[in-house]
Protein backbone atom coordinates (compact mmCIF):
# COMPACT_ATOMS: atom_id res chain seq x y z
CA MET A 1 -40.52 -25.58 -10.82
CA THR A 2 -40.16 -23.76 -14.47
CA ASN A 3 -36.78 -22.15 -15.00
CA PRO A 4 -37.43 -18.39 -16.10
CA ALA A 5 -34.95 -19.34 -18.93
CA ASP A 6 -37.66 -21.34 -20.73
CA LYS A 7 -40.04 -18.22 -21.55
CA THR A 8 -38.78 -17.60 -24.49
CA ALA A 9 -41.73 -16.33 -26.90
CA ILE A 10 -44.12 -18.63 -28.75
CA ARG A 11 -44.64 -17.86 -32.43
CA ASN A 12 -47.45 -19.14 -34.40
CA ALA A 13 -46.19 -20.69 -37.58
CA ALA A 14 -47.20 -22.74 -40.63
CA THR A 15 -45.36 -25.53 -42.52
CA VAL A 16 -46.48 -27.03 -46.28
CA ILE A 17 -45.83 -30.34 -47.10
CA VAL A 18 -46.48 -30.92 -51.13
CA LEU A 19 -46.95 -34.11 -52.36
CA ARG A 20 -46.52 -34.94 -55.45
CA ASP A 21 -47.13 -38.63 -57.37
CA ARG A 22 -48.81 -39.78 -54.30
CA MET A 23 -50.53 -42.98 -56.08
CA THR A 24 -47.57 -44.09 -58.07
CA THR A 25 -44.13 -42.74 -56.80
CA PRO A 26 -45.12 -40.63 -53.98
CA ARG A 27 -42.23 -37.83 -53.74
CA ILE A 28 -42.23 -34.54 -51.39
CA LEU A 29 -40.20 -31.33 -51.14
CA MET A 30 -37.91 -30.27 -49.12
CA GLY A 31 -34.82 -28.15 -48.71
CA GLN A 32 -32.00 -27.79 -46.47
CA ARG A 33 -31.64 -24.63 -43.74
CA GLY A 34 -27.98 -23.00 -43.65
CA ALA A 35 -25.42 -24.00 -41.85
CA GLN A 36 -25.69 -19.94 -39.82
CA ALA A 37 -29.66 -20.51 -39.23
CA VAL A 38 -30.27 -20.02 -35.38
CA PHE A 39 -33.17 -22.55 -35.82
CA MET A 40 -32.41 -26.18 -36.88
CA PRO A 41 -28.67 -25.32 -38.80
CA ASN A 42 -28.03 -27.74 -41.39
CA LYS A 43 -31.49 -29.96 -41.11
CA PHE A 44 -33.17 -30.51 -44.42
CA VAL A 45 -37.33 -29.24 -43.92
CA PHE A 46 -40.27 -28.58 -45.42
CA PRO A 47 -41.17 -24.67 -46.42
CA GLY A 48 -42.65 -22.81 -43.72
CA GLY A 49 -42.09 -20.17 -41.03
CA ALA A 50 -43.71 -17.58 -38.70
CA VAL A 51 -47.71 -16.06 -39.01
CA ASP A 52 -46.51 -11.78 -39.56
CA ALA A 53 -48.97 -9.88 -38.37
CA GLY A 54 -49.94 -9.01 -41.47
CA ASP A 55 -50.55 -12.33 -42.26
CA ALA A 56 -54.15 -12.15 -41.11
CA ARG A 57 -55.25 -9.18 -43.37
CA ILE A 58 -54.44 -11.06 -46.43
CA PRO A 59 -57.58 -10.98 -48.75
CA LEU A 60 -57.75 -15.07 -49.68
CA ALA A 61 -59.78 -16.55 -52.79
CA ALA A 62 -61.90 -18.82 -50.33
CA PRO A 63 -61.77 -19.43 -46.75
CA VAL A 64 -59.76 -22.42 -45.55
CA PRO A 65 -62.05 -25.49 -45.87
CA ASP A 66 -64.16 -27.97 -42.90
CA PRO A 67 -62.91 -29.59 -41.12
CA CYS A 68 -59.46 -27.65 -41.30
CA ALA A 69 -60.78 -24.77 -40.46
CA HIS A 70 -62.97 -26.02 -37.32
CA ARG A 71 -59.62 -27.70 -36.17
CA LEU A 72 -57.49 -24.99 -36.29
CA THR A 73 -59.70 -23.35 -34.12
CA GLU A 74 -59.21 -25.95 -31.15
CA ASP A 75 -56.98 -24.24 -28.24
CA SER A 76 -55.85 -21.84 -30.41
CA GLU A 77 -56.56 -18.07 -30.19
CA THR A 78 -59.10 -16.41 -32.10
CA GLY A 79 -59.45 -15.30 -35.35
CA LEU A 80 -55.87 -16.96 -36.49
CA THR A 81 -57.02 -19.76 -39.15
CA ALA A 82 -56.73 -17.23 -41.84
CA ALA A 83 -53.35 -15.59 -41.13
CA LEU A 84 -51.80 -19.46 -40.63
CA ALA A 85 -53.46 -20.13 -43.83
CA ALA A 86 -51.96 -16.91 -45.29
CA ALA A 87 -48.66 -17.27 -43.93
CA ALA A 88 -48.60 -21.22 -45.01
CA ILE A 89 -48.91 -19.87 -48.85
CA ARG A 90 -46.16 -16.96 -48.69
CA GLU A 91 -43.97 -19.16 -46.64
CA LEU A 92 -43.76 -21.74 -49.40
CA PHE A 93 -43.81 -18.91 -52.16
CA GLU A 94 -41.09 -17.23 -50.33
CA GLU A 95 -38.95 -20.77 -49.72
CA THR A 96 -39.52 -21.95 -53.39
CA GLY A 97 -40.85 -19.82 -55.74
CA LEU A 98 -44.11 -21.82 -56.29
CA VAL A 99 -47.40 -19.85 -56.69
CA LEU A 100 -50.59 -21.44 -54.17
CA GLY A 101 -53.24 -19.21 -55.62
CA ARG A 102 -56.28 -18.43 -57.97
CA PRO A 103 -56.00 -16.19 -61.06
CA GLY A 104 -56.95 -12.46 -60.03
CA ALA A 105 -56.05 -8.91 -58.90
CA TRP A 106 -55.62 -7.42 -55.41
CA SER A 107 -57.98 -5.12 -54.76
CA GLY A 108 -55.20 -2.76 -53.90
CA PRO A 109 -51.41 -2.51 -53.34
CA PRO A 110 -50.14 -6.00 -51.55
CA PRO A 111 -47.69 -5.34 -48.47
CA PRO A 112 -43.91 -5.77 -49.47
CA ASP A 113 -43.68 -8.60 -48.44
CA TRP A 114 -46.60 -9.67 -50.54
CA ALA A 115 -45.39 -8.20 -53.31
CA ALA A 116 -43.29 -10.31 -56.14
CA PHE A 117 -46.56 -13.13 -55.02
CA ALA A 118 -49.34 -10.66 -56.26
CA ALA A 119 -46.95 -9.86 -59.06
CA THR A 120 -47.59 -13.45 -60.75
CA GLY A 121 -51.03 -12.36 -61.06
CA HIS A 122 -52.78 -14.07 -58.34
CA VAL A 123 -54.43 -14.36 -55.05
CA PRO A 124 -53.77 -16.60 -52.27
CA ASP A 125 -56.46 -19.49 -52.34
CA PRO A 126 -55.85 -22.09 -49.23
CA SER A 127 -58.59 -24.54 -50.51
CA ALA A 128 -55.93 -27.03 -50.80
CA LEU A 129 -54.30 -26.69 -47.58
CA GLN A 130 -55.24 -29.95 -45.20
CA PHE A 131 -54.28 -29.28 -41.75
CA VAL A 132 -52.67 -32.56 -40.58
CA PHE A 133 -49.76 -31.54 -37.74
CA ARG A 134 -49.17 -29.75 -35.05
CA ALA A 135 -46.15 -29.42 -32.52
CA LEU A 136 -45.31 -26.80 -29.74
CA THR A 137 -41.26 -26.31 -30.12
CA PRO A 138 -40.07 -27.88 -26.65
CA PRO A 139 -39.03 -25.61 -23.77
CA GLY A 140 -35.55 -24.60 -24.05
CA ARG A 141 -35.21 -24.53 -27.34
CA PRO A 142 -33.91 -20.93 -28.53
CA ARG A 143 -36.74 -19.95 -30.77
CA ARG A 144 -40.62 -22.05 -30.13
CA PHE A 145 -43.11 -21.58 -32.55
CA ASP A 146 -46.14 -23.62 -32.33
CA ALA A 147 -46.34 -24.88 -35.97
CA ARG A 148 -49.29 -26.31 -38.07
CA PHE A 149 -48.28 -28.31 -40.41
CA PHE A 150 -50.55 -28.47 -43.87
CA LEU A 151 -50.24 -30.97 -46.80
CA ILE A 152 -50.95 -29.99 -50.31
CA ASP A 153 -50.93 -32.17 -53.23
CA ALA A 154 -48.82 -30.07 -55.75
CA GLY A 155 -51.41 -30.64 -59.09
CA ALA A 156 -53.20 -27.88 -56.73
CA LEU A 157 -50.27 -25.62 -57.61
CA ALA A 158 -50.46 -22.51 -59.84
CA SER A 159 -47.19 -22.71 -60.91
CA ASP A 160 -44.47 -25.40 -62.32
CA PRO A 161 -43.68 -27.43 -59.28
CA ASP A 162 -39.82 -27.50 -61.29
CA ASP A 163 -39.57 -24.10 -60.83
CA PHE A 164 -37.85 -22.18 -58.19
CA SER A 165 -36.18 -19.15 -59.57
CA ALA A 166 -38.29 -17.21 -57.81
CA ALA A 167 -37.17 -18.87 -54.32
CA SER A 168 -35.28 -17.15 -51.60
CA ASP A 169 -31.98 -18.30 -50.59
CA GLU A 170 -33.49 -19.67 -47.05
CA LEU A 171 -33.50 -23.13 -48.13
CA SER A 172 -30.76 -24.47 -50.40
CA HIS A 173 -30.90 -28.01 -52.18
CA LEU A 174 -34.47 -27.43 -52.86
CA GLN A 175 -35.37 -31.24 -54.42
CA TRP A 176 -38.34 -33.48 -54.42
CA VAL A 177 -37.37 -36.24 -52.05
CA PRO A 178 -38.62 -40.20 -52.65
CA LEU A 179 -40.84 -40.49 -49.54
CA ALA A 180 -39.79 -43.76 -49.15
CA GLU A 181 -35.90 -42.35 -48.83
CA ALA A 182 -37.14 -39.03 -47.01
CA ARG A 183 -35.42 -40.68 -43.76
CA ALA A 184 -31.86 -41.24 -44.77
CA PHE A 185 -31.65 -37.19 -44.56
CA ASP A 186 -30.84 -35.22 -41.87
CA MET A 187 -33.85 -33.51 -40.27
CA PRO A 188 -35.28 -32.94 -36.84
CA PHE A 189 -37.04 -35.56 -35.13
CA ILE A 190 -40.83 -33.65 -35.30
CA THR A 191 -39.96 -33.81 -39.01
CA GLU A 192 -39.33 -37.46 -38.85
CA VAL A 193 -42.50 -37.72 -37.00
CA VAL A 194 -44.79 -35.96 -39.50
CA LEU A 195 -43.03 -37.92 -42.34
CA SER A 196 -44.20 -41.47 -40.35
CA GLU A 197 -47.99 -39.52 -40.33
CA ILE A 198 -48.00 -38.95 -43.98
CA GLN A 199 -46.57 -42.46 -45.15
CA ALA A 200 -49.41 -44.20 -43.53
CA ARG A 201 -51.83 -41.84 -45.26
CA VAL A 202 -50.11 -40.79 -48.62
CA THR A 203 -53.18 -42.70 -50.45
CA GLU A 204 -56.02 -40.72 -48.78
CA THR A 205 -56.84 -37.75 -50.26
CA ALA A 206 -59.95 -36.69 -47.39
CA PRO A 207 -58.62 -34.51 -44.33
CA PRO A 208 -57.30 -37.30 -41.77
CA ASP A 209 -59.98 -38.41 -38.91
CA SER A 210 -57.65 -35.89 -36.18
CA VAL A 211 -54.93 -34.01 -36.36
CA PRO A 212 -52.04 -35.12 -33.92
CA TYR A 213 -50.57 -32.31 -31.62
CA PHE A 214 -47.30 -32.18 -29.86
CA LYS A 215 -47.78 -29.63 -27.42
CA ASN A 216 -44.75 -29.31 -24.95
CA ASN A 217 -45.22 -26.72 -22.47
CA GLU A 218 -43.52 -25.85 -19.39
CA GLU A 219 -45.69 -27.85 -17.73
CA GLU A 220 -45.72 -31.56 -19.47
CA ASN A 221 -45.45 -33.14 -22.89
CA LEU A 222 -49.06 -33.90 -24.15
CA PHE A 223 -49.97 -35.61 -27.05
CA LEU A 224 -53.37 -34.66 -28.38
CA ARG A 225 -55.89 -35.24 -31.29
CA LEU A 226 -57.47 -32.27 -32.79
CA ARG A 227 -61.22 -33.01 -33.37
CA GLY A 228 -61.96 -29.27 -33.83
CA THR A 229 -65.21 -30.15 -31.26
CA SER A 230 -64.30 -27.58 -28.58
CA PRO A 231 -61.42 -25.59 -27.25
CA LEU A 232 -61.38 -27.57 -23.68
CA ASP A 233 -61.70 -31.22 -25.04
CA HIS A 234 -58.61 -33.38 -26.13
CA SER A 235 -60.13 -36.53 -25.47
CA THR A 236 -58.46 -39.54 -27.51
């Protein structure tokens, strides 16, 4: 029987894994959450956060490419793809100061939480985003997220990958961590799982054949593979 206390609202979220020097000495960008954070305090994580209500209305320089766009629609609410991409780009900028965008002017005044991004002279561009993982926070946690993990190559950034001067204080100790050494950091279990996926295909530049999905809901824990076939097809 489901515990009513487990009915924490689930928010859609987007996380960005930035990979650098993938063919030589691969490194990933990570930062540490604050000690007072309600969700995963002190843990080293990738930049990311919840989708805001206005993210679906943000003008993108290009659509999310297939097959990633198609897979994002599987077992998901309608019309969420663009909002997830916008949230990924916004959270990356807010938490690291790095710009994933294309030079251009906005057609109108940006929302307040996009003003700093727009001031860089760029429009958010999701062309380089690869959908590589999805995880639903298990019941019983203080906050629950349906998180989509996106991988990008640092070469796709429109800003200096070493310039974190525009970052907020949500993540501290921002640094490029050698992929081979990343597991020595104190990180959430799901981050370790995602790292394993990245390590297994670090030299593969094309999107994965299918996207792993840890679906931890109130009834059961499932490990699915998203292929973008249909909302009801979760065959392995």
